[in-house]
């Protein structure tokens, strides 16, 4: 949990630096900020997912290859959700990326046996 906390702090500092140096000076010409409550929920759920992942790895007998496959497998849910509910436009490009992730998962599975 300490590692998770420090990672969140470092991530916040790095994103703050990027925000102040790259986005903020040109925000009017590029993309104006629009607040959405989903920003908070995304942050919370990403932190919870990382916490669950690190907790699973801390359990005795946890196999990193299996835990990693489960974690990487979540991209399938994200992809399907984006296509069905959010009308994703770049389906072909992201499907290729998804296939590469699945290929990596297959290699992890084969390597663990």
PDB file of N, CA and C in Angstrom:
ATOM      1  N   UNK A   1       0.822  -1.187   0.000  1.00  0.00           N
ATOM      2  CA  UNK A   1       0.000   0.000   0.000  1.00  0.00           C
ATOM      3  C   UNK A   1       0.876   1.265   0.000  1.00  0.00           C
ATOM      4  N   UNK A   2       2.025   1.190   0.638  1.00  0.00           N
ATOM      5  CA  UNK A   2       2.945   2.327   0.664  1.00  0.00           C
ATOM      6  C   UNK A   2       3.471   2.610  -0.745  1.00  0.00           C
ATOM      7  N   UNK A   3       3.821   1.546  -1.468  1.00  0.00           N
ATOM      8  CA  UNK A   3       4.301   1.708  -2.843  1.00  0.00           C
ATOM      9  C   UNK A   3       3.219   2.358  -3.693  1.00  0.00           C
ATOM     10  N   UNK A   4       1.995   1.896  -3.529  1.00  0.00           N
ATOM     11  CA  UNK A   4       0.858   2.451  -4.269  1.00  0.00           C
ATOM     12  C   UNK A   4       0.688   3.936  -3.968  1.00  0.00           C
ATOM     13  N   UNK A   5       0.804   4.294  -2.704  1.00  0.00           N
ATOM     14  CA  UNK A   5       0.645   5.698  -2.311  1.00  0.00           C
ATOM     15  C   UNK A   5       1.729   6.576  -2.927  1.00  0.00           C
ATOM     16  N   UNK A   6       2.974   6.114  -2.849  1.00  0.00           N
ATOM     17  CA  UNK A   6       4.058   6.902  -3.433  1.00  0.00           C
ATOM     18  C   UNK A   6       3.911   7.009  -4.951  1.00  0.00           C
ATOM     19  N   UNK A   7       3.494   5.924  -5.590  1.00  0.00           N
ATOM     20  CA  UNK A   7       3.280   5.970  -7.036  1.00  0.00           C
ATOM     21  C   UNK A   7       2.226   7.024  -7.382  1.00  0.00           C
ATOM     22  N   UNK A   8       1.129   7.063  -6.624  1.00  0.00           N
ATOM     23  CA  UNK A   8       0.083   8.058  -6.890  1.00  0.00           C
ATOM     24  C   UNK A   8       0.599   9.474  -6.706  1.00  0.00           C
ATOM     25  N   UNK A   9       1.439   9.686  -5.699  1.00  0.00           N
ATOM     26  CA  UNK A   9       2.008  11.019  -5.471  1.00  0.00           C
ATOM     27  C   UNK A   9       2.935  11.406  -6.623  1.00  0.00           C
ATOM     28  N   UNK A  10       3.828  10.486  -7.018  1.00  0.00           N
ATOM     29  CA  UNK A  10       4.725  10.774  -8.134  1.00  0.00           C
ATOM     30  C   UNK A  10       3.938  11.034  -9.424  1.00  0.00           C
ATOM     31  N   UNK A  11       2.919  10.248  -9.652  1.00  0.00           N
ATOM     32  CA  UNK A  11       2.102  10.423 -10.855  1.00  0.00           C
ATOM     33  C   UNK A  11       1.430  11.792 -10.851  1.00  0.00           C
ATOM     34  N   UNK A  12       0.931  12.207  -9.696  1.00  0.00           N
ATOM     35  CA  UNK A  12       0.281  13.511  -9.590  1.00  0.00           C
ATOM     36  C   UNK A  12       1.283  14.637  -9.872  1.00  0.00           C
ATOM     37  N   UNK A  13       2.490  14.522  -9.335  1.00  0.00           N
ATOM     38  CA  UNK A  13       3.512  15.545  -9.559  1.00  0.00           C
ATOM     39  C   UNK A  13       3.895  15.603 -11.044  1.00  0.00           C
ATOM     40  N   UNK A  14       4.133  14.439 -11.655  1.00  0.00           N
ATOM     41  CA  UNK A  14       4.504  14.419 -13.071  1.00  0.00           C
ATOM     42  C   UNK A  14       3.397  14.979 -13.959  1.00  0.00           C
ATOM     43  N   UNK A  15       2.155  14.601 -13.690  1.00  0.00           N
ATOM     44  CA  UNK A  15       1.043  15.124 -14.488  1.00  0.00           C
ATOM     45  C   UNK A  15       0.867  16.623 -14.251  1.00  0.00           C
ATOM     46  N   UNK A  16       1.134  17.079 -13.033  1.00  0.00           N
ATOM     47  CA  UNK A  16       1.064  18.516 -12.751  1.00  0.00           C
ATOM     48  C   UNK A  16       2.113  19.287 -13.538  1.00  0.00           C
ATOM     49  N   UNK A  17       3.324  18.739 -13.625  1.00  0.00           N
ATOM     50  CA  UNK A  17       4.384  19.383 -14.409  1.00  0.00           C
ATOM     51  C   UNK A  17       4.001  19.438 -15.886  1.00  0.00           C
ATOM     52  N   UNK A  18       3.496  18.324 -16.409  1.00  0.00           N
ATOM     53  CA  UNK A  18       3.068  18.291 -17.815  1.00  0.00           C
ATOM     54  C   UNK A  18       1.930  19.279 -18.043  1.00  0.00           C
ATOM     55  N   UNK A  19       0.988  19.321 -17.122  1.00  0.00           N
ATOM     56  CA  UNK A  19      -0.137  20.240 -17.225  1.00  0.00           C
ATOM     57  C   UNK A  19       0.343  21.690 -17.285  1.00  0.00           C
ATOM     58  N   UNK A  20       1.263  22.038 -16.391  1.00  0.00           N
ATOM     59  CA  UNK A  20       1.736  23.430 -16.313  1.00  0.00           C
ATOM     60  C   UNK A  20       2.650  23.833 -17.460  1.00  0.00           C
ATOM     61  N   UNK A  21       3.429  22.902 -18.004  1.00  0.00           N
ATOM     62  CA  UNK A  21       4.401  23.267 -19.036  1.00  0.00           C
ATOM     63  C   UNK A  21       3.900  23.070 -20.460  1.00  0.00           C
ATOM     64  N   UNK A  22       3.072  22.084 -20.682  1.00  0.00           N
ATOM     65  CA  UNK A  22       2.654  21.797 -22.056  1.00  0.00           C
ATOM     66  C   UNK A  22       1.233  22.277 -22.335  1.00  0.00           C
ATOM     67  N   UNK A  23       0.274  21.865 -21.501  1.00  0.00           N
ATOM     68  CA  UNK A  23      -1.123  22.157 -21.805  1.00  0.00           C
ATOM     69  C   UNK A  23      -1.529  23.571 -21.425  1.00  0.00           C
ATOM     70  N   UNK A  24      -1.207  24.008 -20.203  1.00  0.00           N
ATOM     71  CA  UNK A  24      -1.714  25.280 -19.681  1.00  0.00           C
ATOM     72  C   UNK A  24      -1.390  26.487 -20.561  1.00  0.00           C
ATOM     73  N   UNK A  25      -0.147  26.637 -21.058  1.00  0.00           N
ATOM     74  CA  UNK A  25       0.138  27.823 -21.879  1.00  0.00           C
ATOM     75  C   UNK A  25      -0.650  27.867 -23.198  1.00  0.00           C
ATOM     76  N   UNK A  26      -1.048  26.728 -23.741  1.00  0.00           N
ATOM     77  CA  UNK A  26      -1.741  26.702 -25.040  1.00  0.00           C
ATOM     78  C   UNK A  26      -3.170  26.175 -24.929  1.00  0.00           C
ATOM     79  N   UNK A  27      -3.755  26.234 -23.755  1.00  0.00           N
ATOM     80  CA  UNK A  27      -5.075  25.635 -23.547  1.00  0.00           C
ATOM     81  C   UNK A  27      -6.168  26.278 -24.394  1.00  0.00           C
ATOM     82  N   UNK A  28      -6.058  27.533 -24.698  1.00  0.00           N
ATOM     83  CA  UNK A  28      -7.095  28.205 -25.495  1.00  0.00           C
ATOM     84  C   UNK A  28      -7.039  27.811 -26.967  1.00  0.00           C
ATOM     85  N   UNK A  29      -5.834  27.546 -27.476  1.00  0.00           N
ATOM     86  CA  UNK A  29      -5.696  27.171 -28.889  1.00  0.00           C
ATOM     87  C   UNK A  29      -5.923  25.673 -29.104  1.00  0.00           C
ATOM     88  N   UNK A  30      -5.586  24.855 -28.125  1.00  0.00           N
ATOM     89  CA  UNK A  30      -5.665  23.406 -28.337  1.00  0.00           C
ATOM     90  C   UNK A  30      -6.985  22.844 -27.811  1.00  0.00           C
ATOM     91  N   UNK A  31      -7.014  22.459 -26.577  1.00  0.00           N
ATOM     92  CA  UNK A  31      -8.185  21.809 -26.008  1.00  0.00           C
ATOM     93  C   UNK A  31      -8.539  22.462 -24.685  1.00  0.00           C
ATOM     94  N   UNK A  32      -9.636  23.198 -24.639  1.00  0.00           N
ATOM     95  CA  UNK A  32     -10.038  23.776 -23.357  1.00  0.00           C
ATOM     96  C   UNK A  32     -10.490  22.674 -22.400  1.00  0.00           C
ATOM     97  N   UNK A  33     -10.183  22.861 -21.137  1.00  0.00           N
ATOM     98  CA  UNK A  33     -10.531  21.858 -20.130  1.00  0.00           C
ATOM     99  C   UNK A  33     -12.025  21.884 -19.858  1.00  0.00           C
ATOM    100  N   UNK A  34     -12.613  20.707 -19.794  1.00  0.00           N
ATOM    101  CA  UNK A  34     -14.026  20.572 -19.448  1.00  0.00           C
ATOM    102  C   UNK A  34     -14.121  19.573 -18.308  1.00  0.00           C
ATOM    103  N   UNK A  35     -14.573  20.019 -17.148  1.00  0.00           N
ATOM    104  CA  UNK A  35     -14.656  19.147 -15.985  1.00  0.00           C
ATOM    105  C   UNK A  35     -15.737  18.098 -16.184  1.00  0.00           C
ATOM    106  N   UNK A  36     -15.423  16.887 -15.757  1.00  0.00           N
ATOM    107  CA  UNK A  36     -16.382  15.792 -15.797  1.00  0.00           C
ATOM    108  C   UNK A  36     -16.166  14.963 -14.538  1.00  0.00           C
ATOM    109  N   UNK A  37     -17.240  14.587 -13.891  1.00  0.00           N
ATOM    110  CA  UNK A  37     -17.149  13.790 -12.674  1.00  0.00           C
ATOM    111  C   UNK A  37     -16.470  12.452 -12.889  1.00  0.00           C
ATOM    112  N   UNK A  38     -16.453  11.980 -14.133  1.00  0.00           N
ATOM    113  CA  UNK A  38     -15.804  10.700 -14.437  1.00  0.00           C
ATOM    114  C   UNK A  38     -14.311  10.747 -14.131  1.00  0.00           C
ATOM    115  N   UNK A  39     -13.723  11.931 -14.144  1.00  0.00           N
ATOM    116  CA  UNK A  39     -12.291  12.070 -13.855  1.00  0.00           C
ATOM    117  C   UNK A  39     -11.981  11.525 -12.464  1.00  0.00           C
ATOM    118  N   UNK A  40     -12.811  11.866 -11.497  1.00  0.00           N
ATOM    119  CA  UNK A  40     -12.609  11.394 -10.123  1.00  0.00           C
ATOM    120  C   UNK A  40     -12.802   9.884 -10.048  1.00  0.00           C
ATOM    121  N   UNK A  41     -13.856   9.380 -10.695  1.00  0.00           N
ATOM    122  CA  UNK A  41     -14.130   7.940 -10.644  1.00  0.00           C
ATOM    123  C   UNK A  41     -13.042   7.129 -11.336  1.00  0.00           C
ATOM    124  N   UNK A  42     -12.521   7.632 -12.431  1.00  0.00           N
ATOM    125  CA  UNK A  42     -11.430   6.938 -13.121  1.00  0.00           C
ATOM    126  C   UNK A  42     -10.215   6.845 -12.200  1.00  0.00           C
ATOM    127  N   UNK A  43      -9.896   7.936 -11.534  1.00  0.00           N
ATOM    128  CA  UNK A  43      -8.755   7.939 -10.605  1.00  0.00           C
ATOM    129  C   UNK A  43      -8.952   6.928  -9.485  1.00  0.00           C
ATOM    130  N   UNK A  44     -10.130   6.915  -8.920  1.00  0.00           N
ATOM    131  CA  UNK A  44     -10.404   5.997  -7.809  1.00  0.00           C
ATOM    132  C   UNK A  44     -10.329   4.547  -8.280  1.00  0.00           C
ATOM    133  N   UNK A  45     -10.971   4.246  -9.414  1.00  0.00           N
ATOM    134  CA  UNK A  45     -10.992   2.861  -9.881  1.00  0.00           C
ATOM    135  C   UNK A  45      -9.619   2.382 -10.349  1.00  0.00           C
ATOM    136  N   UNK A  46      -8.823   3.263 -10.932  1.00  0.00           N
ATOM    137  CA  UNK A  46      -7.461   2.866 -11.299  1.00  0.00           C
ATOM    138  C   UNK A  46      -6.632   2.561 -10.054  1.00  0.00           C
ATOM    139  N   UNK A  47      -6.782   3.366  -9.028  1.00  0.00           N
ATOM    140  CA  UNK A  47      -6.055   3.114  -7.779  1.00  0.00           C
ATOM    141  C   UNK A  47      -6.521   1.813  -7.126  1.00  0.00           C
ATOM    142  N   UNK A  48      -7.824   1.564  -7.135  1.00  0.00           N
ATOM    143  CA  UNK A  48      -8.345   0.318  -6.574  1.00  0.00           C
ATOM    144  C   UNK A  48      -7.854  -0.901  -7.364  1.00  0.00           C
ATOM    145  N   UNK A  49      -7.817  -0.781  -8.677  1.00  0.00           N
ATOM    146  CA  UNK A  49      -7.339  -1.895  -9.504  1.00  0.00           C
ATOM    147  C   UNK A  49      -5.867  -2.174  -9.234  1.00  0.00           C
ATOM    148  N   UNK A  50      -5.060  -1.119  -9.114  1.00  0.00           N
ATOM    149  CA  UNK A  50      -3.638  -1.316  -8.801  1.00  0.00           C
ATOM    150  C   UNK A  50      -3.470  -1.923  -7.411  1.00  0.00           C
ATOM    151  N   UNK A  51      -4.288  -1.473  -6.467  1.00  0.00           N
ATOM    152  CA  UNK A  51      -4.222  -2.027  -5.119  1.00  0.00           C
ATOM    153  C   UNK A  51      -4.564  -3.517  -5.131  1.00  0.00           C
ATOM    154  N   UNK A  52      -5.617  -3.898  -5.861  1.00  0.00           N
ATOM    155  CA  UNK A  52      -6.000  -5.311  -5.938  1.00  0.00           C
ATOM    156  C   UNK A  52      -4.895  -6.142  -6.582  1.00  0.00           C
ATOM    157  N   UNK A  53      -4.259  -5.589  -7.612  1.00  0.00           N
ATOM    158  CA  UNK A  53      -3.165  -6.284  -8.291  1.00  0.00           C
ATOM    159  C   UNK A  53      -1.983  -6.502  -7.347  1.00  0.00           C
ATOM    160  N   UNK A  54      -1.575  -5.454  -6.652  1.00  0.00           N
ATOM    161  CA  UNK A  54      -0.448  -5.573  -5.738  1.00  0.00           C
ATOM    162  C   UNK A  54      -0.782  -6.483  -4.552  1.00  0.00           C
ATOM    163  N   UNK A  55      -2.018  -6.438  -4.095  1.00  0.00           N
ATOM    164  CA  UNK A  55      -2.429  -7.327  -3.011  1.00  0.00           C
ATOM    165  C   UNK A  55      -2.389  -8.780  -3.473  1.00  0.00           C
ATOM    166  N   UNK A  56      -2.886  -9.044  -4.681  1.00  0.00           N
ATOM    167  CA  UNK A  56      -2.860 -10.412  -5.208  1.00  0.00           C
ATOM    168  C   UNK A  56      -1.430 -10.928  -5.311  1.00  0.00           C
ATOM    169  N   UNK A  57      -0.503 -10.065  -5.705  1.00  0.00           N
ATOM    170  CA  UNK A  57       0.895 -10.487  -5.800  1.00  0.00           C
ATOM    171  C   UNK A  57       1.512 -10.753  -4.430  1.00  0.00           C
ATOM    172  N   UNK A  58       0.980 -10.116  -3.383  1.00  0.00           N
ATOM    173  CA  UNK A  58       1.547 -10.307  -2.050  1.00  0.00           C
ATOM    174  C   UNK A  58       1.089 -11.609  -1.393  1.00  0.00           C
ATOM    175  N   UNK A  59       0.081 -12.249  -1.942  1.00  0.00           N
ATOM    176  CA  UNK A  59      -0.416 -13.496  -1.350  1.00  0.00           C
ATOM    177  C   UNK A  59       0.581 -14.617  -1.571  1.00  0.00           C
ATOM    178  N   UNK A  60       0.754 -15.474  -0.580  1.00  0.00           N
ATOM    179  CA  UNK A  60       1.681 -16.597  -0.739  1.00  0.00           C
ATOM    180  C   UNK A  60       1.184 -17.533  -1.848  1.00  0.00           C
ATOM    181  N   UNK A  61       2.101 -17.959  -2.673  1.00  0.00           N
ATOM    182  CA  UNK A  61       1.760 -18.877  -3.763  1.00  0.00           C
ATOM    183  C   UNK A  61       1.178 -18.204  -4.996  1.00  0.00           C
ATOM    184  N   UNK A  62       1.100 -16.880  -4.986  1.00  0.00           N
ATOM    185  CA  UNK A  62       0.563 -16.170  -6.148  1.00  0.00           C
ATOM    186  C   UNK A  62       1.547 -16.293  -7.305  1.00  0.00           C
ATOM    187  N   UNK A  63       1.037 -16.697  -8.439  1.00  0.00           N
ATOM    188  CA  UNK A  63       1.881 -16.825  -9.630  1.00  0.00           C
ATOM    189  C   UNK A  63       1.745 -15.553 -10.453  1.00  0.00           C
ATOM    190  N   UNK A  64       2.854 -14.859 -10.636  1.00  0.00           N
ATOM    191  CA  UNK A  64       2.814 -13.573 -11.324  1.00  0.00           C
ATOM    192  C   UNK A  64       2.299 -13.707 -12.756  1.00  0.00           C
ATOM    193  N   UNK A  65       2.578 -14.844 -13.400  1.00  0.00           N
ATOM    194  CA  UNK A  65       2.109 -15.004 -14.778  1.00  0.00           C
ATOM    195  C   UNK A  65       0.588 -15.076 -14.830  1.00  0.00           C
ATOM    196  N   UNK A  66      -0.035 -15.728 -13.858  1.00  0.00           N
ATOM    197  CA  UNK A  66      -1.496 -15.829 -13.831  1.00  0.00           C
ATOM    198  C   UNK A  66      -2.119 -14.484 -13.469  1.00  0.00           C
ATOM    199  N   UNK A  67      -1.589 -13.840 -12.434  1.00  0.00           N
ATOM    200  CA  UNK A  67      -2.115 -12.544 -12.007  1.00  0.00           C
ATOM    201  C   UNK A  67      -1.943 -11.521 -13.121  1.00  0.00           C
ATOM    202  N   UNK A  68      -0.823 -11.565 -13.809  1.00  0.00           N
ATOM    203  CA  UNK A  68      -0.577 -10.636 -14.907  1.00  0.00           C
ATOM    204  C   UNK A  68      -1.558 -10.864 -16.056  1.00  0.00           C
ATOM    205  N   UNK A  69      -1.862 -12.131 -16.344  1.00  0.00           N
ATOM    206  CA  UNK A  69      -2.822 -12.421 -17.415  1.00  0.00           C
ATOM    207  C   UNK A  69      -4.210 -11.893 -17.062  1.00  0.00           C
ATOM    208  N   UNK A  70      -4.603 -12.055 -15.815  1.00  0.00           N
ATOM    209  CA  UNK A  70      -5.912 -11.541 -15.399  1.00  0.00           C
ATOM    210  C   UNK A  70      -5.944 -10.029 -15.526  1.00  0.00           C
ATOM    211  N   UNK A  71      -4.859  -9.382 -15.110  1.00  0.00           N
ATOM    212  CA  UNK A  71      -4.809  -7.919 -15.196  1.00  0.00           C
ATOM    213  C   UNK A  71      -4.827  -7.449 -16.650  1.00  0.00           C
ATOM    214  N   UNK A  72      -4.055  -8.088 -17.492  1.00  0.00           N
ATOM    215  CA  UNK A  72      -4.023  -7.704 -18.899  1.00  0.00           C
ATOM    216  C   UNK A  72      -5.328  -8.054 -19.623  1.00  0.00           C
ATOM    217  N   UNK A  73      -5.988  -9.072 -19.131  1.00  0.00           N
ATOM    218  CA  UNK A  73      -7.258  -9.467 -19.731  1.00  0.00           C
ATOM    219  C   UNK A  73      -8.351  -8.421 -19.574  1.00  0.00           C
ATOM    220  N   UNK A  74      -8.162  -7.495 -18.644  1.00  0.00           N
ATOM    221  CA  UNK A  74      -9.161  -6.449 -18.449  1.00  0.00           C
ATOM    222  C   UNK A  74      -9.282  -5.535 -19.672  1.00  0.00           C
ATOM    223  N   UNK A  75      -8.278  -5.517 -20.527  1.00  0.00           N
ATOM    224  CA  UNK A  75      -8.385  -4.679 -21.730  1.00  0.00           C
ATOM    225  C   UNK A  75      -9.481  -5.184 -22.655  1.00  0.00           C
ATOM    226  N   UNK A  76      -9.803  -6.474 -22.570  1.00  0.00           N
ATOM    227  CA  UNK A  76     -10.893  -7.009 -23.388  1.00  0.00           C
ATOM    228  C   UNK A  76     -12.211  -6.364 -22.965  1.00  0.00           C
ATOM    229  N   UNK A  77     -12.436  -6.265 -21.662  1.00  0.00           N
ATOM    230  CA  UNK A  77     -13.646  -5.629 -21.156  1.00  0.00           C
ATOM    231  C   UNK A  77     -13.688  -4.162 -21.564  1.00  0.00           C
ATOM    232  N   UNK A  78     -12.565  -3.468 -21.445  1.00  0.00           N
ATOM    233  CA  UNK A  78     -12.505  -2.059 -21.831  1.00  0.00           C
ATOM    234  C   UNK A  78     -12.788  -1.880 -23.311  1.00  0.00           C
ATOM    235  N   UNK A  79     -12.215  -2.737 -24.144  1.00  0.00           N
ATOM    236  CA  UNK A  79     -12.415  -2.651 -25.591  1.00  0.00           C
ATOM    237  C   UNK A  79     -13.882  -2.861 -25.949  1.00  0.00           C
ATOM    238  N   UNK A  80     -14.490  -3.906 -25.415  1.00  0.00           N
ATOM    239  CA  UNK A  80     -15.888  -4.200 -25.724  1.00  0.00           C
ATOM    240  C   UNK A  80     -16.799  -3.078 -25.229  1.00  0.00           C
ATOM    241  N   UNK A  81     -16.521  -2.560 -24.033  1.00  0.00           N
ATOM    242  CA  UNK A  81     -17.311  -1.453 -23.502  1.00  0.00           C
ATOM    243  C   UNK A  81     -17.195  -0.218 -24.382  1.00  0.00           C
ATOM    244  N   UNK A  82     -15.987   0.085 -24.823  1.00  0.00           N
ATOM    245  CA  UNK A  82     -15.788   1.262 -25.682  1.00  0.00           C
ATOM    246  C   UNK A  82     -16.530   1.113 -27.002  1.00  0.00           C
ATOM    247  N   UNK A  83     -16.519  -0.077 -27.569  1.00  0.00           N
ATOM    248  CA  UNK A  83     -17.194  -0.299 -28.851  1.00  0.00           C
ATOM    249  C   UNK A  83     -18.709  -0.251 -28.691  1.00  0.00           C
ATOM    250  N   UNK A  84     -19.241  -0.951 -27.698  1.00  0.00           N
ATOM    251  CA  UNK A  84     -20.687  -1.062 -27.562  1.00  0.00           C
ATOM    252  C   UNK A  84     -21.365   0.167 -26.956  1.00  0.00           C
ATOM    253  N   UNK A  85     -20.765   0.736 -25.912  1.00  0.00           N
ATOM    254  CA  UNK A  85     -21.437   1.812 -25.194  1.00  0.00           C
ATOM    255  C   UNK A  85     -20.966   3.211 -25.571  1.00  0.00           C
ATOM    256  N   UNK A  86     -19.693   3.352 -25.947  1.00  0.00           N
ATOM    257  CA  UNK A  86     -19.156   4.678 -26.226  1.00  0.00           C
ATOM    258  C   UNK A  86     -18.932   4.931 -27.706  1.00  0.00           C
ATOM    259  N   UNK A  87     -19.329   3.998 -28.546  1.00  0.00           N
ATOM    260  CA  UNK A  87     -19.234   4.155 -30.009  1.00  0.00           C
ATOM    261  C   UNK A  87     -17.832   4.547 -30.461  1.00  0.00           C
ATOM    262  N   UNK A  88     -16.858   3.762 -30.038  1.00  0.00           N
ATOM    263  CA  UNK A  88     -15.455   3.995 -30.389  1.00  0.00           C
ATOM    264  C   UNK A  88     -15.299   4.025 -31.910  1.00  0.00           C
ATOM    265  N   UNK A  89     -14.531   4.992 -32.412  1.00  0.00           N
ATOM    266  CA  UNK A  89     -14.350   5.148 -33.850  1.00  0.00           C
ATOM    267  C   UNK A  89     -13.119   4.432 -34.384  1.00  0.00           C
ATOM    268  N   UNK A  90     -12.084   4.289 -33.596  1.00  0.00           N
ATOM    269  CA  UNK A  90     -10.839   3.668 -34.049  1.00  0.00           C
ATOM    270  C   UNK A  90     -10.813   2.181 -33.716  1.00  0.00           C
ATOM    271  N   UNK A  91     -11.848   1.467 -34.110  1.00  0.00           N
ATOM    272  CA  UNK A  91     -11.977   0.064 -33.731  1.00  0.00           C
ATOM    273  C   UNK A  91     -10.878  -0.782 -34.363  1.00  0.00           C
ATOM    274  N   UNK A  92     -10.588  -0.550 -35.646  1.00  0.00           N
ATOM    275  CA  UNK A  92      -9.575  -1.373 -36.326  1.00  0.00           C
ATOM    276  C   UNK A  92      -8.201  -1.243 -35.671  1.00  0.00           C
ATOM    277  N   UNK A  93      -7.770  -0.022 -35.440  1.00  0.00           N
ATOM    278  CA  UNK A  93      -6.446   0.203 -34.856  1.00  0.00           C
ATOM    279  C   UNK A  93      -6.363  -0.392 -33.451  1.00  0.00           C
ATOM    280  N   UNK A  94      -7.422  -0.208 -32.675  1.00  0.00           N
ATOM    281  CA  UNK A  94      -7.403  -0.728 -31.314  1.00  0.00           C
ATOM    282  C   UNK A  94      -7.581  -2.243 -31.288  1.00  0.00           C
ATOM    283  N   UNK A  95      -8.268  -2.791 -32.282  1.00  0.00           N
ATOM    284  CA  UNK A  95      -8.401  -4.252 -32.358  1.00  0.00           C
ATOM    285  C   UNK A  95      -7.037  -4.892 -32.621  1.00  0.00           C
ATOM    286  N   UNK A  96      -6.216  -4.240 -33.431  1.00  0.00           N
ATOM    287  CA  UNK A  96      -4.861  -4.753 -33.678  1.00  0.00           C
ATOM    288  C   UNK A  96      -4.054  -4.728 -32.388  1.00  0.00           C
ATOM    289  N   UNK A  97      -4.152  -3.634 -31.650  1.00  0.00           N
ATOM    290  CA  UNK A  97      -3.453  -3.550 -30.358  1.00  0.00           C
ATOM    291  C   UNK A  97      -3.960  -4.614 -29.397  1.00  0.00           C
ATOM    292  N   UNK A  98      -5.270  -4.826 -29.391  1.00  0.00           N
ATOM    293  CA  UNK A  98      -5.847  -5.851 -28.522  1.00  0.00           C
ATOM    294  C   UNK A  98      -5.343  -7.238 -28.902  1.00  0.00           C
ATOM    295  N   UNK A  99      -5.235  -7.501 -30.192  1.00  0.00           N
ATOM    296  CA  UNK A  99      -4.715  -8.795 -30.627  1.00  0.00           C
ATOM    297  C   UNK A  99      -3.271  -8.999 -30.178  1.00  0.00           C
ATOM    298  N   UNK A 100      -2.474  -7.935 -30.196  1.00  0.00           N
ATOM    299  CA  UNK A 100      -1.097  -8.038 -29.722  1.00  0.00           C
ATOM    300  C   UNK A 100      -1.041  -8.330 -28.224  1.00  0.00           C
ATOM    301  N   UNK A 101      -1.932  -7.695 -27.457  1.00  0.00           N
ATOM    302  CA  UNK A 101      -1.995  -7.979 -26.021  1.00  0.00           C
ATOM    303  C   UNK A 101      -2.410  -9.424 -25.788  1.00  0.00           C
ATOM    304  N   UNK A 102      -3.400  -9.891 -26.554  1.00  0.00           N
ATOM    305  CA  UNK A 102      -3.839 -11.285 -26.424  1.00  0.00           C
ATOM    306  C   UNK A 102      -2.731 -12.251 -26.815  1.00  0.00           C
ATOM    307  N   UNK A 103      -1.960 -11.903 -27.831  1.00  0.00           N
ATOM    308  CA  UNK A 103      -0.830 -12.738 -28.227  1.00  0.00           C
ATOM    309  C   UNK A 103       0.192 -12.825 -27.086  1.00  0.00           C
ATOM    310  N   UNK A 104       0.443 -11.706 -26.430  1.00  0.00           N
ATOM    311  CA  UNK A 104       1.336 -11.695 -25.267  1.00  0.00           C
ATOM    312  C   UNK A 104       0.802 -12.556 -24.142  1.00  0.00           C
ATOM    313  N   UNK A 105      -0.526 -12.516 -23.936  1.00  0.00           N
ATOM    314  CA  UNK A 105      -1.128 -13.346 -22.900  1.00  0.00           C
ATOM    315  C   UNK A 105      -0.989 -14.834 -23.237  1.00  0.00           C
ATOM    316  N   UNK A 106      -1.144 -15.160 -24.502  1.00  0.00           N
ATOM    317  CA  UNK A 106      -0.963 -16.561 -24.942  1.00  0.00           C
ATOM    318  C   UNK A 106       0.473 -17.000 -24.683  1.00  0.00           C
ATOM    319  N   UNK A 107       1.424 -16.120 -24.994  1.00  0.00           N
ATOM    320  CA  UNK A 107       2.829 -16.458 -24.736  1.00  0.00           C
ATOM    321  C   UNK A 107       3.082 -16.650 -23.247  1.00  0.00           C
ATOM    322  N   UNK A 108       2.486 -15.822 -22.389  1.00  0.00           N
ATOM    323  CA  UNK A 108       2.622 -16.008 -20.945  1.00  0.00           C
ATOM    324  C   UNK A 108       2.022 -17.337 -20.511  1.00  0.00           C
ATOM    325  N   UNK A 109       0.884 -17.678 -21.081  1.00  0.00           N
ATOM    326  CA  UNK A 109       0.241 -18.944 -20.730  1.00  0.00           C
ATOM    327  C   UNK A 109       1.113 -20.126 -21.130  1.00  0.00           C
ATOM    328  N   UNK A 110       1.623 -20.077 -22.349  1.00  0.00           N
ATOM    329  CA  UNK A 110       2.481 -21.173 -22.821  1.00  0.00           C
ATOM    330  C   UNK A 110       3.746 -21.258 -21.978  1.00  0.00           C
ATOM    331  N   UNK A 111       4.320 -20.105 -21.635  1.00  0.00           N
ATOM    332  CA  UNK A 111       5.538 -20.087 -20.840  1.00  0.00           C
ATOM    333  C   UNK A 111       5.353 -20.563 -19.419  1.00  0.00           C
ATOM    334  N   UNK A 112       4.124 -20.469 -18.893  1.00  0.00           N
ATOM    335  CA  UNK A 112       3.899 -20.895 -17.516  1.00  0.00           C
ATOM    336  C   UNK A 112       3.638 -22.389 -17.400  1.00  0.00           C
ATOM    337  N   UNK A 113       3.517 -23.074 -18.551  1.00  0.00           N
ATOM    338  CA  UNK A 113       3.269 -24.534 -18.505  1.00  0.00           C
ATOM    339  C   UNK A 113       4.504 -25.285 -18.914  1.00  0.00           C
TER     340      UNK A 113
END
